[in-house]
Amino acid sequence: ISRDNAKNTVYLVMNTLKAEDTAVYYCAADSAEFRG
């Protein structure tokens, strides 16, 4: 997982995929600012 705050984008690179990775993938945000 990575993010580019200048582009307002978060990424998920998935390698060596398996059949069990089949799913709907959702992005989510936590609005509690500056969580450490």
PDB file of all heavy atoms in Angstrom:
ATOM      1  N   ILE A   1       0.857  -1.184   0.000  1.00  0.00           N
ATOM      2  CA  ILE A   1       0.000   0.000   0.000  1.00  0.00           C
ATOM      3  C   ILE A   1       0.895   1.236   0.000  1.00  0.00           C
ATOM      4  O   ILE A   1       1.940   1.266   0.649  1.00  0.00           O
ATOM      5  CB  ILE A   1      -0.958   0.001   1.216  1.00  0.00           C
ATOM      6  CG1 ILE A   1      -1.985   1.131   1.097  1.00  0.00           C
ATOM      7  CG2 ILE A   1      -0.198   0.066   2.537  1.00  0.00           C
ATOM      8  CD1 ILE A   1      -3.099   1.050   2.144  1.00  0.00           C
ATOM      9  N   SER A   2       0.478   2.245  -0.742  1.00  0.00           N
ATOM     10  CA  SER A   2       1.221   3.499  -0.785  1.00  0.00           C
ATOM     11  C   SER A   2       0.246   4.627  -1.091  1.00  0.00           C
ATOM     12  O   SER A   2      -0.913   4.376  -1.436  1.00  0.00           O
ATOM     13  CB  SER A   2       2.333   3.452  -1.840  1.00  0.00           C
ATOM     14  OG  SER A   2       1.788   3.278  -3.138  1.00  0.00           O
ATOM     15  N   ARG A   3       0.721   5.841  -0.981  1.00  0.00           N
ATOM     16  CA  ARG A   3      -0.145   6.981  -1.257  1.00  0.00           C
ATOM     17  C   ARG A   3       0.663   8.120  -1.852  1.00  0.00           C
ATOM     18  O   ARG A   3       1.868   8.237  -1.602  1.00  0.00           O
ATOM     19  CB  ARG A   3      -0.867   7.441   0.000  1.00  0.00           C
ATOM     20  CG  ARG A   3       0.032   8.003   1.087  1.00  0.00           C
ATOM     21  CD  ARG A   3      -0.761   8.212   2.375  1.00  0.00           C
ATOM     22  NE  ARG A   3      -1.836   9.189   2.194  1.00  0.00           N
ATOM     23  CZ  ARG A   3      -2.900   9.261   2.992  1.00  0.00           C
ATOM     24  NH1 ARG A   3      -3.025   8.423   4.010  1.00  0.00           N
ATOM     25  NH2 ARG A   3      -3.820  10.171   2.795  1.00  0.00           N
ATOM     26  N   ASP A   4      -0.022   8.945  -2.613  1.00  0.00           N
ATOM     27  CA  ASP A   4       0.553  10.162  -3.167  1.00  0.00           C
ATOM     28  C   ASP A   4      -0.390  11.292  -2.779  1.00  0.00           C
ATOM     29  O   ASP A   4      -1.435  11.488  -3.405  1.00  0.00           O
ATOM     30  CB  ASP A   4       0.686  10.038  -4.683  1.00  0.00           C
ATOM     31  CG  ASP A   4       1.396  11.221  -5.313  1.00  0.00           C
ATOM     32  OD1 ASP A   4       1.417  12.302  -4.695  1.00  0.00           O
ATOM     33  OD2 ASP A   4       1.890  11.082  -6.436  1.00  0.00           O
ATOM     34  N   ASN A   5      -0.031  12.023  -1.745  1.00  0.00           N
ATOM     35  CA  ASN A   5      -0.926  13.073  -1.248  1.00  0.00           C
ATOM     36  C   ASN A   5      -1.075  14.229  -2.231  1.00  0.00           C
ATOM     37  O   ASN A   5      -2.088  14.921  -2.230  1.00  0.00           O
ATOM     38  CB  ASN A   5      -0.441  13.575   0.111  1.00  0.00           C
ATOM     39  CG  ASN A   5      -0.714  12.571   1.216  1.00  0.00           C
ATOM     40  OD1 ASN A   5      -1.547  11.674   1.067  1.00  0.00           O
ATOM     41  ND2 ASN A   5       0.001  12.703   2.324  1.00  0.00           N
ATOM     42  N   ALA A   6      -0.097  14.435  -3.072  1.00  0.00           N
ATOM     43  CA  ALA A   6      -0.196  15.489  -4.079  1.00  0.00           C
ATOM     44  C   ALA A   6      -1.256  15.157  -5.128  1.00  0.00           C
ATOM     45  O   ALA A   6      -1.830  16.057  -5.748  1.00  0.00           O
ATOM     46  CB  ALA A   6       1.144  15.713  -4.750  1.00  0.00           C
ATOM     47  N   LYS A   7      -1.504  13.864  -5.315  1.00  0.00           N
ATOM     48  CA  LYS A   7      -2.494  13.413  -6.297  1.00  0.00           C
ATOM     49  C   LYS A   7      -3.790  12.932  -5.646  1.00  0.00           C
ATOM     50  O   LYS A   7      -4.679  12.445  -6.332  1.00  0.00           O
ATOM     51  CB  LYS A   7      -1.911  12.290  -7.150  1.00  0.00           C
ATOM     52  CG  LYS A   7      -0.738  12.712  -8.018  1.00  0.00           C
ATOM     53  CD  LYS A   7      -0.249  11.561  -8.879  1.00  0.00           C
ATOM     54  CE  LYS A   7       0.896  11.989  -9.794  1.00  0.00           C
ATOM     55  NZ  LYS A   7       1.393  10.874 -10.634  1.00  0.00           N
ATOM     56  N   ASN A   8      -3.873  13.049  -4.326  1.00  0.00           N
ATOM     57  CA  ASN A   8      -5.068  12.567  -3.611  1.00  0.00           C
ATOM     58  C   ASN A   8      -5.395  11.121  -3.955  1.00  0.00           C
ATOM     59  O   ASN A   8      -6.559  10.763  -4.184  1.00  0.00           O
ATOM     60  CB  ASN A   8      -6.281  13.456  -3.924  1.00  0.00           C
ATOM     61  CG  ASN A   8      -6.369  14.670  -3.010  1.00  0.00           C
ATOM     62  OD1 ASN A   8      -5.369  15.060  -2.395  1.00  0.00           O
ATOM     63  ND2 ASN A   8      -7.531  15.280  -2.939  1.00  0.00           N
ATOM     64  N   THR A   9      -4.378  10.284  -3.990  1.00  0.00           N
ATOM     65  CA  THR A   9      -4.561   8.916  -4.438  1.00  0.00           C
ATOM     66  C   THR A   9      -3.825   7.940  -3.525  1.00  0.00           C
ATOM     67  O   THR A   9      -2.709   8.211  -3.084  1.00  0.00           O
ATOM     68  CB  THR A   9      -4.067   8.743  -5.887  1.00  0.00           C
ATOM     69  OG1 THR A   9      -4.774   9.656  -6.741  1.00  0.00           O
ATOM     70  CG2 THR A   9      -4.309   7.331  -6.391  1.00  0.00           C
ATOM     71  N   VAL A  10      -4.474   6.815  -3.279  1.00  0.00           N
ATOM     72  CA  VAL A  10      -3.843   5.716  -2.556  1.00  0.00           C
ATOM     73  C   VAL A  10      -3.831   4.505  -3.487  1.00  0.00           C
ATOM     74  O   VAL A  10      -4.749   4.318  -4.290  1.00  0.00           O
ATOM     75  CB  VAL A  10      -4.573   5.424  -1.227  1.00  0.00           C
ATOM     76  CG1 VAL A  10      -6.004   4.983  -1.457  1.00  0.00           C
ATOM     77  CG2 VAL A  10      -3.817   4.394  -0.412  1.00  0.00           C
ATOM     78  N   TYR A  11      -2.789   3.712  -3.380  1.00  0.00           N
ATOM     79  CA  TYR A  11      -2.583   2.583  -4.282  1.00  0.00           C
ATOM     80  C   TYR A  11      -2.469   1.272  -3.504  1.00  0.00           C
ATOM     81  O   TYR A  11      -2.078   1.253  -2.336  1.00  0.00           O
ATOM     82  CB  TYR A  11      -1.293   2.775  -5.091  1.00  0.00           C
ATOM     83  CG  TYR A  11      -1.227   4.055  -5.872  1.00  0.00           C
ATOM     84  CD1 TYR A  11      -0.552   5.165  -5.357  1.00  0.00           C
ATOM     85  CD2 TYR A  11      -1.834   4.170  -7.115  1.00  0.00           C
ATOM     86  CE1 TYR A  11      -0.482   6.351  -6.067  1.00  0.00           C
ATOM     87  CE2 TYR A  11      -1.773   5.364  -7.832  1.00  0.00           C
ATOM     88  CZ  TYR A  11      -1.097   6.439  -7.297  1.00  0.00           C
ATOM     89  OH  TYR A  11      -1.044   7.621  -8.003  1.00  0.00           O
ATOM     90  N   LEU A  12      -2.778   0.198  -4.188  1.00  0.00           N
ATOM     91  CA  LEU A  12      -2.511  -1.138  -3.667  1.00  0.00           C
ATOM     92  C   LEU A  12      -1.925  -1.959  -4.809  1.00  0.00           C
ATOM     93  O   LEU A  12      -2.636  -2.268  -5.769  1.00  0.00           O
ATOM     94  CB  LEU A  12      -3.778  -1.806  -3.128  1.00  0.00           C
ATOM     95  CG  LEU A  12      -3.549  -3.170  -2.486  1.00  0.00           C
ATOM     96  CD1 LEU A  12      -2.796  -2.997  -1.160  1.00  0.00           C
ATOM     97  CD2 LEU A  12      -4.869  -3.890  -2.239  1.00  0.00           C
ATOM     98  N   VAL A  13      -0.653  -2.281  -4.698  1.00  0.00           N
ATOM     99  CA  VAL A  13      -0.004  -3.143  -5.676  1.00  0.00           C
ATOM    100  C   VAL A  13      -0.087  -4.570  -5.161  1.00  0.00           C
ATOM    101  O   VAL A  13       0.319  -4.853  -4.029  1.00  0.00           O
ATOM    102  CB  VAL A  13       1.462  -2.732  -5.897  1.00  0.00           C
ATOM    103  CG1 VAL A  13       2.163  -3.739  -6.796  1.00  0.00           C
ATOM    104  CG2 VAL A  13       1.526  -1.337  -6.504  1.00  0.00           C
ATOM    105  N   MET A  14      -0.621  -5.428  -5.995  1.00  0.00           N
ATOM    106  CA  MET A  14      -0.826  -6.824  -5.604  1.00  0.00           C
ATOM    107  C   MET A  14      -0.022  -7.715  -6.533  1.00  0.00           C
ATOM    108  O   MET A  14      -0.240  -7.705  -7.747  1.00  0.00           O
ATOM    109  CB  MET A  14      -2.320  -7.174  -5.682  1.00  0.00           C
ATOM    110  CG  MET A  14      -3.188  -6.258  -4.848  1.00  0.00           C
ATOM    111  SD  MET A  14      -4.924  -6.755  -4.821  1.00  0.00           S
ATOM    112  CE  MET A  14      -5.372  -6.472  -6.530  1.00  0.00           C
ATOM    113  N   ASN A  15       0.904  -8.450  -5.959  1.00  0.00           N
ATOM    114  CA  ASN A  15       1.745  -9.373  -6.722  1.00  0.00           C
ATOM    115  C   ASN A  15       1.448 -10.821  -6.329  1.00  0.00           C
ATOM    116  O   ASN A  15       0.848 -11.080  -5.283  1.00  0.00           O
ATOM    117  CB  ASN A  15       3.219  -9.070  -6.467  1.00  0.00           C
ATOM    118  CG  ASN A  15       3.634  -7.693  -6.967  1.00  0.00           C
ATOM    119  OD1 ASN A  15       3.225  -7.268  -8.047  1.00  0.00           O
ATOM    120  ND2 ASN A  15       4.442  -6.995  -6.186  1.00  0.00           N
ATOM    121  N   THR A  16       1.885 -11.717  -7.172  1.00  0.00           N
ATOM    122  CA  THR A  16       1.733 -13.156  -6.924  1.00  0.00           C
ATOM    123  C   THR A  16       0.294 -13.475  -6.520  1.00  0.00           C
ATOM    124  O   THR A  16       0.027 -14.113  -5.489  1.00  0.00           O
ATOM    125  CB  THR A  16       2.713 -13.631  -5.823  1.00  0.00           C
ATOM    126  OG1 THR A  16       3.987 -13.007  -6.007  1.00  0.00           O
ATOM    127  CG2 THR A  16       2.907 -15.139  -5.884  1.00  0.00           C
ATOM    128  N   LEU A  17      -0.622 -13.027  -7.328  1.00  0.00           N
ATOM    129  CA  LEU A  17      -2.036 -13.181  -6.989  1.00  0.00           C
ATOM    130  C   LEU A  17      -2.471 -14.640  -7.006  1.00  0.00           C
ATOM    131  O   LEU A  17      -1.980 -15.456  -7.808  1.00  0.00           O
ATOM    132  CB  LEU A  17      -2.887 -12.353  -7.939  1.00  0.00           C
ATOM    133  CG  LEU A  17      -2.876 -10.853  -7.642  1.00  0.00           C
ATOM    134  CD1 LEU A  17      -3.352 -10.039  -8.833  1.00  0.00           C
ATOM    135  CD2 LEU A  17      -3.726 -10.555  -6.409  1.00  0.00           C
ATOM    136  N   LYS A  18      -3.380 -14.936  -6.106  1.00  0.00           N
ATOM    137  CA  LYS A  18      -3.915 -16.279  -5.945  1.00  0.00           C
ATOM    138  C   LYS A  18      -5.423 -16.260  -6.185  1.00  0.00           C
ATOM    139  O   LYS A  18      -6.059 -15.203  -6.083  1.00  0.00           O
ATOM    140  CB  LYS A  18      -3.638 -16.785  -4.527  1.00  0.00           C
ATOM    141  CG  LYS A  18      -2.188 -16.712  -4.099  1.00  0.00           C
ATOM    142  CD  LYS A  18      -2.051 -17.104  -2.635  1.00  0.00           C
ATOM    143  CE  LYS A  18      -0.608 -16.976  -2.156  1.00  0.00           C
ATOM    144  NZ  LYS A  18      -0.476 -17.346  -0.717  1.00  0.00           N
ATOM    145  N   ALA A  19      -5.982 -17.422  -6.438  1.00  0.00           N
ATOM    146  CA  ALA A  19      -7.429 -17.507  -6.649  1.00  0.00           C
ATOM    147  C   ALA A  19      -8.190 -16.970  -5.444  1.00  0.00           C
ATOM    148  O   ALA A  19      -9.243 -16.338  -5.593  1.00  0.00           O
ATOM    149  CB  ALA A  19      -7.819 -18.949  -6.937  1.00  0.00           C
ATOM    150  N   GLU A  20      -7.658 -17.171  -4.268  1.00  0.00           N
ATOM    151  CA  GLU A  20      -8.344 -16.716  -3.047  1.00  0.00           C
ATOM    152  C   GLU A  20      -8.289 -15.206  -2.853  1.00  0.00           C
ATOM    153  O   GLU A  20      -8.895 -14.680  -1.921  1.00  0.00           O
ATOM    154  CB  GLU A  20      -7.781 -17.425  -1.806  1.00  0.00           C
ATOM    155  CG  GLU A  20      -6.278 -17.386  -1.688  1.00  0.00           C
ATOM    156  CD  GLU A  20      -5.623 -18.653  -2.222  1.00  0.00           C
ATOM    157  OE1 GLU A  20      -6.046 -19.139  -3.304  1.00  0.00           O
ATOM    158  OE2 GLU A  20      -4.689 -19.148  -1.559  1.00  0.00           O
ATOM    159  N   ASP A  21      -7.570 -14.502  -3.705  1.00  0.00           N
ATOM    160  CA  ASP A  21      -7.581 -13.040  -3.677  1.00  0.00           C
ATOM    161  C   ASP A  21      -8.781 -12.471  -4.436  1.00  0.00           C
ATOM    162  O   ASP A  21      -9.015 -11.255  -4.410  1.00  0.00           O
ATOM    163  CB  ASP A  21      -6.299 -12.470  -4.280  1.00  0.00           C
ATOM    164  CG  ASP A  21      -5.062 -12.819  -3.474  1.00  0.00           C
ATOM    165  OD1 ASP A  21      -5.131 -12.746  -2.234  1.00  0.00           O
ATOM    166  OD2 ASP A  21      -4.034 -13.167  -4.083  1.00  0.00           O
ATOM    167  N   THR A  22      -9.512 -13.319  -5.111  1.00  0.00           N
ATOM    168  CA  THR A  22     -10.697 -12.876  -5.851  1.00  0.00           C
ATOM    169  C   THR A  22     -11.718 -12.266  -4.899  1.00  0.00           C
ATOM    170  O   THR A  22     -12.121 -12.890  -3.915  1.00  0.00           O
ATOM    171  CB  THR A  22     -11.321 -14.049  -6.609  1.00  0.00           C
ATOM    172  OG1 THR A  22     -10.397 -14.505  -7.609  1.00  0.00           O
ATOM    173  CG2 THR A  22     -12.623 -13.642  -7.274  1.00  0.00           C
ATOM    174  N   ALA A  23     -12.090 -11.032  -5.179  1.00  0.00           N
ATOM    175  CA  ALA A  23     -13.014 -10.301  -4.303  1.00  0.00           C
ATOM    176  C   ALA A  23     -13.304  -8.940  -4.914  1.00  0.00           C
ATOM    177  O   ALA A  23     -12.636  -8.526  -5.873  1.00  0.00           O
ATOM    178  CB  ALA A  23     -12.397 -10.113  -2.914  1.00  0.00           C
ATOM    179  N   VAL A  24     -14.271  -8.261  -4.323  1.00  0.00           N
ATOM    180  CA  VAL A  24     -14.440  -6.838  -4.591  1.00  0.00           C
ATOM    181  C   VAL A  24     -13.554  -6.096  -3.604  1.00  0.00           C
ATOM    182  O   VAL A  24     -13.610  -6.345  -2.394  1.00  0.00           O
ATOM    183  CB  VAL A  24     -15.898  -6.398  -4.448  1.00  0.00           C
ATOM    184  CG1 VAL A  24     -16.020  -4.896  -4.683  1.00  0.00           C
ATOM    185  CG2 VAL A  24     -16.785  -7.171  -5.416  1.00  0.00           C
ATOM    186  N   TYR A  25     -12.741  -5.193  -4.122  1.00  0.00           N
ATOM    187  CA  TYR A  25     -11.808  -4.429  -3.301  1.00  0.00           C
ATOM    188  C   TYR A  25     -12.338  -3.013  -3.114  1.00  0.00           C
ATOM    189  O   TYR A  25     -12.715  -2.348  -4.093  1.00  0.00           O
ATOM    190  CB  TYR A  25     -10.430  -4.407  -3.945  1.00  0.00           C
ATOM    191  CG  TYR A  25      -9.683  -5.709  -3.758  1.00  0.00           C
ATOM    192  CD1 TYR A  25     -10.071  -6.857  -4.443  1.00  0.00           C
ATOM    193  CD2 TYR A  25      -8.606  -5.802  -2.879  1.00  0.00           C
ATOM    194  CE1 TYR A  25      -9.421  -8.062  -4.248  1.00  0.00           C
ATOM    195  CE2 TYR A  25      -7.933  -7.007  -2.691  1.00  0.00           C
ATOM    196  CZ  TYR A  25      -8.350  -8.134  -3.378  1.00  0.00           C
ATOM    197  OH  TYR A  25      -7.690  -9.327  -3.183  1.00  0.00           O
ATOM    198  N   TYR A  26     -12.341  -2.585  -1.860  1.00  0.00           N
ATOM    199  CA  TYR A  26     -12.871  -1.276  -1.498  1.00  0.00           C
ATOM    200  C   TYR A  26     -11.788  -0.409  -0.869  1.00  0.00           C
ATOM    201  O   TYR A  26     -10.988  -0.887  -0.065  1.00  0.00           O
ATOM    202  CB  TYR A  26     -14.007  -1.416  -0.488  1.00  0.00           C
ATOM    203  CG  TYR A  26     -15.200  -2.198  -0.964  1.00  0.00           C
ATOM    204  CD1 TYR A  26     -15.280  -3.570  -0.775  1.00  0.00           C
ATOM    205  CD2 TYR A  26     -16.261  -1.552  -1.592  1.00  0.00           C
ATOM    206  CE1 TYR A  26     -16.382  -4.287  -1.206  1.00  0.00           C
ATOM    207  CE2 TYR A  26     -17.372  -2.261  -2.030  1.00  0.00           C
ATOM    208  CZ  TYR A  26     -17.421  -3.623  -1.833  1.00  0.00           C
ATOM    209  OH  TYR A  26     -18.512  -4.327  -2.271  1.00  0.00           O
ATOM    210  N   CYS A  27     -11.842   0.847  -1.221  1.00  0.00           N
ATOM    211  CA  CYS A  27     -11.001   1.849  -0.593  1.00  0.00           C
ATOM    212  C   CYS A  27     -11.811   2.509   0.525  1.00  0.00           C
ATOM    213  O   CYS A  27     -13.027   2.678   0.392  1.00  0.00           O
ATOM    214  CB  CYS A  27     -10.611   2.865  -1.658  1.00  0.00           C
ATOM    215  SG  CYS A  27      -9.729   4.294  -1.089  1.00  0.00           S
ATOM    216  N   ALA A  28     -11.140   2.867   1.614  1.00  0.00           N
ATOM    217  CA  ALA A  28     -11.828   3.507   2.722  1.00  0.00           C
ATOM    218  C   ALA A  28     -10.949   4.579   3.340  1.00  0.00           C
ATOM    219  O   ALA A  28      -9.717   4.481   3.304  1.00  0.00           O
ATOM    220  CB  ALA A  28     -12.217   2.482   3.768  1.00  0.00           C
ATOM    221  N   ALA A  29     -11.601   5.574   3.921  1.00  0.00           N
ATOM    222  CA  ALA A  29     -10.898   6.682   4.563  1.00  0.00           C
ATOM    223  C   ALA A  29     -11.286   6.796   6.031  1.00  0.00           C
ATOM    224  O   ALA A  29     -12.440   6.549   6.405  1.00  0.00           O
ATOM    225  CB  ALA A  29     -11.217   7.997   3.846  1.00  0.00           C
ATOM    226  N   ASP A  30     -10.313   7.171   6.833  1.00  0.00           N
ATOM    227  CA  ASP A  30     -10.507   7.423   8.270  1.00  0.00           C
ATOM    228  C   ASP A  30     -10.364   8.919   8.483  1.00  0.00           C
ATOM    229  O   ASP A  30      -9.265   9.466   8.371  1.00  0.00           O
ATOM    230  CB  ASP A  30      -9.446   6.647   9.043  1.00  0.00           C
ATOM    231  CG  ASP A  30      -9.287   7.109  10.479  1.00  0.00           C
ATOM    232  OD1 ASP A  30     -10.207   7.777  10.998  1.00  0.00           O
ATOM    233  OD2 ASP A  30      -8.239   6.806  11.076  1.00  0.00           O
ATOM    234  N   SER A  31     -11.469   9.593   8.812  1.00  0.00           N
ATOM    235  CA  SER A  31     -11.451  11.058   8.882  1.00  0.00           C
ATOM    236  C   SER A  31     -10.897  11.613  10.182  1.00  0.00           C
ATOM    237  O   SER A  31     -10.904  12.841  10.373  1.00  0.00           O
ATOM    238  CB  SER A  31     -12.862  11.603   8.643  1.00  0.00           C
ATOM    239  OG  SER A  31     -13.736  11.141   9.645  1.00  0.00           O
ATOM    240  N   ALA A  32     -10.400  10.765  11.069  1.00  0.00           N
ATOM    241  CA  ALA A  32      -9.692  11.263  12.248  1.00  0.00           C
ATOM    242  C   ALA A  32      -8.320  11.721  11.780  1.00  0.00           C
ATOM    243  O   ALA A  32      -7.471  10.908  11.419  1.00  0.00           O
ATOM    244  CB  ALA A  32      -9.572  10.175  13.295  1.00  0.00           C
ATOM    245  N   GLU A  33      -8.103  13.014  11.771  1.00  0.00           N
ATOM    246  CA  GLU A  33      -6.909  13.571  11.149  1.00  0.00           C
ATOM    247  C   GLU A  33      -5.623  13.199  11.888  1.00  0.00           C
ATOM    248  O   GLU A  33      -5.587  13.119  13.110  1.00  0.00           O
ATOM    249  CB  GLU A  33      -7.031  15.085  11.056  1.00  0.00           C
ATOM    250  CG  GLU A  33      -8.163  15.533  10.136  1.00  0.00           C
ATOM    251  CD  GLU A  33      -8.210  17.039   9.974  1.00  0.00           C
ATOM    252  OE1 GLU A  33      -7.887  17.752  10.952  1.00  0.00           O
ATOM    253  OE2 GLU A  33      -8.550  17.504   8.869  1.00  0.00           O
ATOM    254  N   PHE A  34      -4.594  12.968  11.080  1.00  0.00           N
ATOM    255  CA  PHE A  34      -3.236  12.771  11.573  1.00  0.00           C
ATOM    256  C   PHE A  34      -3.113  11.594  12.542  1.00  0.00           C
ATOM    257  O   PHE A  34      -2.337  11.662  13.514  1.00  0.00           O
ATOM    258  CB  PHE A  34      -2.723  14.056  12.236  1.00  0.00           C
ATOM    259  CG  PHE A  34      -2.776  15.252  11.335  1.00  0.00           C
ATOM    260  CD1 PHE A  34      -3.570  16.345  11.658  1.00  0.00           C
ATOM    261  CD2 PHE A  34      -2.055  15.288  10.159  1.00  0.00           C
ATOM    262  CE1 PHE A  34      -3.636  17.453  10.823  1.00  0.00           C
ATOM    263  CE2 PHE A  34      -2.105  16.395   9.314  1.00  0.00           C
ATOM    264  CZ  PHE A  34      -2.904  17.480   9.650  1.00  0.00           C
ATOM    265  N   ARG A  35      -3.859  10.537  12.264  1.00  0.00           N
ATOM    266  CA  ARG A  35      -3.715   9.321  13.073  1.00  0.00           C
ATOM    267  C   ARG A  35      -2.306   8.804  12.911  1.00  0.00           C
ATOM    268  O   ARG A  35      -1.802   8.674  11.804  1.00  0.00           O
ATOM    269  CB  ARG A  35      -4.738   8.273  12.640  1.00  0.00           C
ATOM    270  CG  ARG A  35      -4.792   7.065  13.555  1.00  0.00           C
ATOM    271  CD  ARG A  35      -5.793   6.041  13.063  1.00  0.00           C
ATOM    272  NE  ARG A  35      -7.157   6.508  13.086  1.00  0.00           N
ATOM    273  CZ  ARG A  35      -7.944   6.469  14.152  1.00  0.00           C
ATOM    274  NH1 ARG A  35      -7.489   5.998  15.280  1.00  0.00           N
ATOM    275  NH2 ARG A  35      -9.197   6.883  14.057  1.00  0.00           N
ATOM    276  N   GLY A  36      -1.669   8.457  14.014  1.00  0.00           N
ATOM    277  CA  GLY A  36      -0.264   8.085  13.982  1.00  0.00           C
ATOM    278  C   GLY A  36       0.017   6.623  13.711  1.00  0.00           C
ATOM    279  O   GLY A  36       1.152   6.267  13.365  1.00  0.00           O
TER     280      GLY A  36
END
